Protein backbone atom coordinates (compact mmCIF):
# COMPACT_ATOMS: atom_id res chain seq x y z
CA MET A 1 4.30 18.95 13.26
CA LYS A 2 3.69 18.37 9.57
CA GLU A 3 4.26 14.93 8.11
CA TYR A 4 6.43 14.45 5.03
CA LYS A 5 7.83 11.50 3.12
CA ALA A 6 11.15 10.03 4.24
CA TRP A 7 13.93 8.96 1.87
CA HIS A 8 13.78 5.21 1.27
CA VAL A 9 14.88 2.79 -1.45
CA ASN A 10 14.46 -0.91 -2.12
CA GLY A 11 15.88 -2.81 0.83
CA PHE A 12 16.50 -6.15 -0.89
CA LEU A 13 19.61 -4.78 -2.64
CA ALA A 14 20.89 -3.49 0.69
CA LEU A 15 20.18 -6.85 2.29
CA LEU A 16 22.13 -8.63 -0.45
CA ALA A 17 25.01 -6.18 -0.04
CA ALA A 18 24.94 -6.70 3.73
CA ILE A 19 25.16 -10.49 3.35
CA ILE A 20 28.01 -10.21 0.86
CA SER A 21 29.84 -7.71 3.12
CA PHE A 22 29.43 -9.95 6.15
CA ALA A 23 30.66 -13.07 4.36
CA GLY A 24 33.50 -11.20 2.62
CA GLY A 25 34.59 -9.54 5.85
CA ILE A 26 34.78 -12.85 7.70
CA ALA A 27 36.71 -14.38 4.81
CA PHE A 28 39.25 -11.55 4.61
CA ILE A 29 39.81 -11.50 8.37
CA VAL A 30 40.28 -15.30 8.55
CA TYR A 31 42.51 -15.41 5.49
CA GLY A 32 44.60 -12.43 6.62
CA SER A 33 45.08 -13.85 10.12
CA ASP A 34 45.82 -17.42 8.97
CA GLN A 35 49.17 -16.62 7.42
CA MET A 36 52.53 -16.83 9.20
CA ASP A 37 52.87 -13.09 8.71
CA PRO A 38 49.33 -11.58 9.23
CA ASN A 39 48.23 -9.37 6.37
CA ILE A 40 47.15 -6.11 7.99
CA TYR A 41 45.54 -4.86 4.80
CA LEU A 42 43.29 -7.90 4.42
CA ILE A 43 42.30 -7.72 8.07
CA ALA A 44 41.52 -3.99 7.78
CA LEU A 45 39.49 -4.66 4.64
CA GLY A 46 37.56 -7.38 6.46
CA ILE A 47 36.83 -5.05 9.37
CA LEU A 48 35.68 -2.38 6.91
CA LEU A 49 33.30 -4.84 5.26
CA GLU A 50 31.92 -5.79 8.67
CA LEU A 51 31.31 -2.09 9.41
CA ILE A 52 29.50 -1.80 6.08
CA PHE A 53 27.39 -4.78 7.14
CA VAL A 54 26.48 -3.09 10.43
CA VAL A 55 25.55 0.16 8.65
CA ALA A 56 23.46 -1.69 6.06
CA VAL A 57 21.60 -3.70 8.70
CA SER A 58 20.89 -0.59 10.79
CA SER A 59 19.29 1.08 7.76
CA LEU A 60 16.87 -1.75 6.97
CA THR A 61 13.24 -1.53 8.05
CA ILE A 62 10.11 -3.58 7.32
CA VAL A 63 6.79 -1.79 6.86
CA GLN A 64 3.64 -3.93 7.13
CA PRO A 65 0.42 -3.15 5.21
CA ASN A 66 -1.69 -0.40 6.85
CA GLU A 67 1.32 0.60 8.89
CA ALA A 68 3.83 3.46 8.82
CA LYS A 69 7.31 3.98 10.20
CA VAL A 70 8.23 7.37 11.68
CA ILE A 71 11.97 7.91 11.18
CA THR A 72 14.03 10.02 13.59
CA PHE A 73 17.78 10.57 13.42
CA PHE A 74 19.28 11.43 16.81
CA GLY A 75 16.13 13.27 17.87
CA THR A 76 15.43 14.88 14.48
CA TYR A 77 12.35 13.92 12.50
CA VAL A 78 13.44 12.94 8.96
CA GLY A 79 10.13 11.70 7.55
CA THR A 80 7.61 8.87 7.43
CA VAL A 81 7.59 5.69 5.32
CA ARG A 82 4.04 4.57 4.45
CA ASP A 83 4.80 2.11 1.60
CA SER A 84 4.72 -1.52 2.72
CA GLY A 85 7.76 -3.71 2.09
CA LEU A 86 11.48 -3.94 2.93
CA TRP A 87 13.23 -0.57 2.67
CA ILE A 88 16.60 0.99 3.34
CA VAL A 89 16.48 4.37 5.11
CA VAL A 90 19.01 6.66 6.75
CA PRO A 91 21.35 4.48 8.86
CA PHE A 92 21.36 4.58 12.68
CA THR A 93 17.82 5.99 12.89
CA ASN A 94 14.97 5.19 15.24
CA LYS A 95 11.99 3.68 13.45
CA LYS A 96 8.71 3.99 15.36
CA LYS A 97 5.73 1.97 14.19
CA VAL A 98 2.39 3.75 13.84
CA SER A 99 -0.72 1.77 12.90
CA MET A 100 -2.89 3.23 10.12
CA LYS A 101 -5.70 0.73 10.66
CA VAL A 102 -9.27 1.70 11.53
CA ARG A 103 -9.85 1.18 15.23
CA ASN A 104 -12.64 1.78 17.69
CA PHE A 105 -12.80 2.90 21.28
CA ASN A 106 -15.73 1.84 23.43
CA SER A 107 -16.09 4.27 26.32
CA GLN A 108 -17.05 3.28 29.81
CA THR A 109 -20.60 3.83 31.04
CA LEU A 110 -20.49 7.39 32.34
CA LYS A 111 -22.90 9.02 34.80
CA VAL A 112 -23.76 12.54 33.63
CA ASN A 113 -26.46 15.11 34.41
CA ASP A 114 -28.55 15.90 31.33
CA ALA A 115 -29.85 19.36 30.38
CA GLU A 116 -32.67 19.05 32.94
CA GLY A 117 -30.32 18.01 35.74
CA ASN A 118 -31.36 14.35 35.77
CA PRO A 119 -28.52 11.85 36.27
CA VAL A 120 -28.23 9.54 33.26
CA GLU A 121 -25.87 6.74 32.27
CA ILE A 122 -24.37 7.07 28.79
CA GLY A 123 -21.73 5.29 26.73
CA ALA A 124 -20.45 5.67 23.18
CA VAL A 125 -18.22 3.99 20.61
CA VAL A 126 -15.75 6.03 18.55
CA VAL A 127 -14.33 4.73 15.25
CA PHE A 128 -11.07 6.45 14.28
CA LYS A 129 -7.80 6.14 12.37
CA VAL A 130 -4.46 7.97 12.30
CA THR A 131 -3.99 10.23 9.27
CA GLU A 132 -0.99 12.34 10.35
CA THR A 133 1.78 10.17 11.80
CA ALA A 134 4.00 13.11 12.78
CA LYS A 135 1.26 14.73 14.87
CA ALA A 136 0.31 11.41 16.46
CA SER A 137 3.94 10.75 17.41
CA PHE A 138 5.22 14.16 18.47
CA ASP A 139 2.31 16.54 19.21
CA VAL A 140 0.73 14.36 21.92
CA ASP A 141 2.30 12.09 24.51
CA ASN A 142 0.22 8.99 23.71
CA TYR A 143 -2.37 9.42 20.99
CA GLU A 144 -4.37 6.32 21.96
CA ARG A 145 -4.76 7.52 25.54
CA PHE A 146 -5.47 11.01 24.18
CA VAL A 147 -8.35 9.61 22.08
CA GLU A 148 -9.82 7.83 25.12
CA ILE A 149 -9.76 10.89 27.38
CA GLN A 150 -11.07 13.31 24.75
CA SER A 151 -13.84 10.88 23.73
CA GLU A 152 -15.14 10.58 27.28
CA THR A 153 -14.89 14.36 27.69
CA ALA A 154 -16.92 14.91 24.52
CA VAL A 155 -19.55 12.39 25.64
CA ARG A 156 -19.96 14.17 28.97
CA HIS A 157 -20.21 17.59 27.30
CA ILE A 158 -22.75 16.51 24.68
CA ALA A 159 -24.90 14.63 27.22
CA ALA A 160 -25.20 17.80 29.29
CA GLN A 161 -26.56 19.75 26.30
CA TYR A 162 -29.71 17.63 25.75
CA PRO A 163 -32.50 16.29 27.96
CA TYR A 164 -32.83 12.55 28.21
CA ASP A 165 -36.33 12.59 26.72
CA THR A 166 -39.21 14.97 26.11
CA PHE A 167 -42.91 14.60 25.30
CA SER A 168 -44.17 18.13 25.74
CA ASP A 169 -42.27 19.88 22.91
CA THR A 170 -41.45 17.98 19.74
CA ASP A 171 -39.05 20.73 18.57
CA VAL A 172 -36.66 20.05 21.46
CA GLN A 173 -34.03 17.43 20.63
CA SER A 174 -33.32 14.73 23.19
CA LEU A 175 -30.74 12.03 23.74
CA ARG A 176 -33.25 9.23 23.27
CA GLY A 177 -35.35 10.69 20.48
CA ASN A 178 -32.56 12.23 18.36
CA ALA A 179 -29.73 9.71 18.61
CA ASP A 180 -28.46 10.40 15.07
CA GLU A 181 -28.31 14.17 15.58
CA VAL A 182 -26.59 13.74 18.95
CA ALA A 183 -24.04 11.35 17.41
CA ALA A 184 -23.35 13.81 14.58
CA GLU A 185 -22.80 16.66 17.03
CA MET A 186 -20.54 14.45 19.13
CA MET A 187 -18.51 13.48 16.03
CA LYS A 188 -18.06 17.13 15.06
CA GLU A 189 -16.87 18.17 18.52
CA LEU A 190 -14.61 15.14 18.87
CA GLN A 191 -12.97 15.78 15.50
CA GLU A 192 -12.08 19.30 16.62
CA ARG A 193 -10.50 17.89 19.77
CA LEU A 194 -8.52 15.13 18.00
CA SER A 195 -7.21 17.12 15.03
CA VAL A 196 -4.18 18.13 17.09
CA ALA A 197 -3.23 14.43 17.33
CA GLY A 198 -3.57 13.74 13.59
CA VAL A 199 -6.59 11.48 14.16
CA GLU A 200 -9.66 11.33 11.92
CA VAL A 201 -12.99 10.37 13.50
CA LEU A 202 -14.97 8.13 11.13
CA GLU A 203 -18.08 7.48 13.22
CA THR A 204 -19.55 7.93 16.70
CA ARG A 205 -22.56 6.11 18.12
CA LEU A 206 -24.29 5.91 21.49
CA THR A 207 -24.05 2.37 22.84
CA HIS A 208 -25.76 2.85 26.21
CA LEU A 209 -28.37 5.30 27.43
CA ALA A 210 -30.46 4.99 30.58
CA TYR A 211 -31.53 6.89 33.66
CA ALA A 212 -29.33 6.38 36.71
CA PRO A 213 -30.64 3.58 38.99
CA GLU A 214 -31.57 5.97 41.81
CA ILE A 215 -34.17 7.78 39.68
CA ALA A 216 -35.01 5.13 37.09
CA SER A 217 -38.25 4.04 38.79
CA ALA A 218 -39.53 7.60 39.32
CA MET A 219 -38.65 8.67 35.78
CA LEU A 220 -40.37 5.60 34.36
CA GLN A 221 -43.59 6.62 36.13
CA ARG A 222 -43.16 10.15 34.80
CA GLN A 223 -42.67 8.85 31.27
CA GLN A 224 -45.74 6.66 31.55
CA ALA A 225 -47.87 9.53 32.88
CA THR A 226 -46.63 11.91 30.17
CA ALA A 227 -47.28 9.30 27.50
CA ILE A 228 -50.81 8.68 28.78
CA VAL A 229 -51.61 12.41 28.81
CA SER A 230 -50.24 12.80 25.29
CA ALA A 231 -52.21 9.79 24.05
CA ARG A 232 -55.41 11.05 25.70
CA GLN A 233 -54.96 14.41 24.01
CA ARG A 234 -54.69 12.75 20.62
CA ILE A 235 -57.75 10.62 21.35
CA VAL A 236 -59.83 13.64 22.35
CA GLU A 237 -58.75 15.53 19.21
CA GLY A 238 -59.76 12.55 17.07
CA ALA A 239 -63.05 12.10 18.93
CA VAL A 240 -64.03 15.76 18.42
CA GLY A 241 -63.38 15.39 14.70
CA MET A 242 -65.46 12.20 14.48
CA VAL A 243 -68.38 13.75 16.38
CA ASP A 244 -68.29 16.85 14.19
CA SER A 245 -68.26 14.68 11.07
CA ALA A 246 -71.21 12.61 12.34
CA LEU A 247 -73.33 15.73 13.03
CA LYS A 248 -72.53 17.15 9.58
CA GLN A 249 -73.54 13.89 7.88
CA LEU A 250 -76.84 13.82 9.81
CA ALA A 251 -77.56 17.39 8.72
CA GLU A 252 -76.71 16.56 5.10
CA ASN A 253 -79.13 13.61 5.20
CA GLY A 254 -81.94 15.86 6.42
CA ILE A 255 -81.99 14.68 10.04
CA GLU A 256 -82.46 17.72 12.26
CA LEU A 257 -81.70 17.56 15.98
CA ASP A 258 -82.67 20.15 18.54
CA GLU A 259 -80.09 21.45 20.99
CA GLU A 260 -80.92 18.97 23.74
CA ARG A 261 -80.77 15.92 21.47
CA ARG A 262 -77.58 17.23 19.84
CA ALA A 263 -75.97 17.62 23.29
CA ALA A 264 -77.05 14.11 24.30
CA MET A 265 -75.67 12.64 21.08
CA VAL A 266 -72.36 14.49 21.46
CA ASN A 267 -72.10 13.28 25.05
CA ASN A 268 -72.78 9.65 24.12
CA LEU A 269 -70.33 9.67 21.19
CA MET A 270 -67.56 11.27 23.22
CA VAL A 271 -68.01 8.76 26.06
CA ALA A 272 -68.01 5.83 23.64
CA ILE A 273 -64.93 7.01 21.72
CA VAL A 274 -62.77 8.38 24.53
CA SER A 275 -63.47 5.69 27.13
CA ASP A 276 -60.75 3.03 27.48
CA ARG A 277 -63.47 0.38 28.00
CA GLY A 278 -66.08 -0.95 25.66
CA ALA A 279 -69.33 1.08 25.68
CA THR A 280 -72.46 -0.66 27.01
CA PRO A 281 -75.54 0.38 25.02
CA VAL A 282 -78.70 1.37 26.94
CA ILE A 283 -82.03 1.25 25.12
CA ASN A 284 -84.20 4.26 26.00
CA THR A 285 -87.87 3.34 25.68
CA GLY A 286 -89.03 6.80 26.67
CA THR A 287 -88.13 10.24 25.47
CA LEU A 288 -85.74 12.91 26.60
CA TYR A 289 -88.68 15.15 27.50
CA SER A 290 -90.71 12.85 29.73
């Protein structure tokens, strides 16, 4: 349903008229009934003024800042009042309050299988606000509950599209390594789901991410082993470059090494650089050929 502006005018004039009608009606009724021969016309006029008072009071509504009133007249939507203040609207209407404030929903910690089938625990916070009061009031049963259910559904769906973490392929996005990209994808999907309720998603962020307790210990060992292998690979690549640079500098300085001495030097440098312990120098008092 499309939202449109409801008819409304300044309510202070209506309030003043209602007070005058109420006081005048009481006065006419009392004065007309106080005579020896009751004045039917004065009493009728007093009753009419009291009816005007009832109509005027039923048409008054107060709209707070960052709030809207959805007006319905006997089941028919007649518009929305967004301007804050005291207003007079169509009499005998139902005025439903809809908050326009920015709110957030913090999802529960959900257990989901990631793209690799590993059970992970994930939670997210969703920042949203209502932009279409008619849709929020009439197109869904309860838009706040609708936001909660759709947010958790989106979190589950997005979590199943990515692995928890990866070390082998840097081009593959993961929940832990690409939190911003995952949050952006979640926000896009959630906005598509919540558009029907007239809700705008302002931000989504992951608030909790961890392996499920039953596999946390095993996955921690796997992460440590993968990290060690990756680090060792980087160390070896750096060591090869350093050894190659050292041999080139020796050749440029006129120091020539035969194949056996070159192999021994490469072996010693690689052991010294790659080893995770400090190298212990050994002084060779002989020669390689003795």
